[in-house]
Amino acid sequence: MENVSVEYKRELTDGLEKEVVAFLNTLGGEIVIGAETTGISSA
């Protein structure tokens, strides 16, 4: 389940670096690549 410390990303994007920095500037968390908000992507 996506929340403040877990972020699902369907694919790598140019904006991913900014999201990683945002996580580092807070309490941290997990970024799961290859998944959608509803779970693991079939692509």
C-alpha atoms as a PDB file:
ATOM      1  CA  MET A   1       0.000   0.000   0.000  1.00  0.00           C
ATOM      2  CA  GLU A   2       1.361   3.402  -0.971  1.00  0.00           C
ATOM      3  CA  ASN A   3       1.798   5.920   1.870  1.00  0.00           C
ATOM      4  CA  VAL A   4       4.261   8.588   3.080  1.00  0.00           C
ATOM      5  CA  SER A   5       7.125   6.109   3.255  1.00  0.00           C
ATOM      6  CA  VAL A   6       6.272   3.873   0.265  1.00  0.00           C
ATOM      7  CA  GLU A   7       6.008   5.109  -3.322  1.00  0.00           C
ATOM      8  CA  TYR A   8       5.200   2.886  -6.311  1.00  0.00           C
ATOM      9  CA  LYS A   9       6.605   3.764  -9.717  1.00  0.00           C
ATOM     10  CA  ARG A  10       5.599   1.981 -12.887  1.00  0.00           C
ATOM     11  CA  GLU A  11       8.864   2.830 -14.675  1.00  0.00           C
ATOM     12  CA  LEU A  12      12.054   4.843 -14.327  1.00  0.00           C
ATOM     13  CA  THR A  13      11.618   8.506 -15.202  1.00  0.00           C
ATOM     14  CA  ASP A  14      13.779  11.608 -15.282  1.00  0.00           C
ATOM     15  CA  GLY A  15      11.967  12.920 -12.197  1.00  0.00           C
ATOM     16  CA  LEU A  16      12.959   9.925 -10.075  1.00  0.00           C
ATOM     17  CA  GLU A  17      16.091  11.694  -8.816  1.00  0.00           C
ATOM     18  CA  LYS A  18      13.953  14.448  -7.279  1.00  0.00           C
ATOM     19  CA  GLU A  19      11.750  11.870  -5.559  1.00  0.00           C
ATOM     20  CA  VAL A  20      14.781  10.077  -4.109  1.00  0.00           C
ATOM     21  CA  VAL A  21      16.123  13.377  -2.763  1.00  0.00           C
ATOM     22  CA  ALA A  22      12.704  14.159  -1.283  1.00  0.00           C
ATOM     23  CA  PHE A  23      12.726  10.811   0.532  1.00  0.00           C
ATOM     24  CA  LEU A  24      16.265  11.475   1.800  1.00  0.00           C
ATOM     25  CA  ASN A  25      15.166  14.872   3.137  1.00  0.00           C
ATOM     26  CA  THR A  26      12.415  13.249   5.231  1.00  0.00           C
ATOM     27  CA  LEU A  27      12.383  10.080   7.302  1.00  0.00           C
ATOM     28  CA  GLY A  28      13.183   7.972   4.242  1.00  0.00           C
ATOM     29  CA  GLY A  29      11.166   5.171   2.783  1.00  0.00           C
ATOM     30  CA  GLU A  30      10.922   2.796  -0.144  1.00  0.00           C
ATOM     31  CA  ILE A  31      10.479   3.478  -3.838  1.00  0.00           C
ATOM     32  CA  VAL A  32       9.267   0.354  -5.618  1.00  0.00           C
ATOM     33  CA  ILE A  33       9.997   0.427  -9.360  1.00  0.00           C
ATOM     34  CA  GLY A  34       7.892  -1.747 -11.655  1.00  0.00           C
ATOM     35  CA  ALA A  35       4.740  -1.410  -9.593  1.00  0.00           C
ATOM     36  CA  GLU A  36       1.576   0.636  -9.778  1.00  0.00           C
ATOM     37  CA  THR A  37      -0.427   2.035  -6.884  1.00  0.00           C
ATOM     38  CA  THR A  38      -2.554  -1.100  -7.008  1.00  0.00           C
ATOM     39  CA  GLY A  39       0.427  -3.472  -6.880  1.00  0.00           C
ATOM     40  CA  ILE A  40       2.925  -5.111  -9.211  1.00  0.00           C
ATOM     41  CA  SER A  41       2.625  -4.111 -12.860  1.00  0.00           C
ATOM     42  CA  SER A  42       2.008  -6.709 -15.546  1.00  0.00           C
ATOM     43  CA  ALA A  43       4.169  -4.800 -18.039  1.00  0.00           C
END
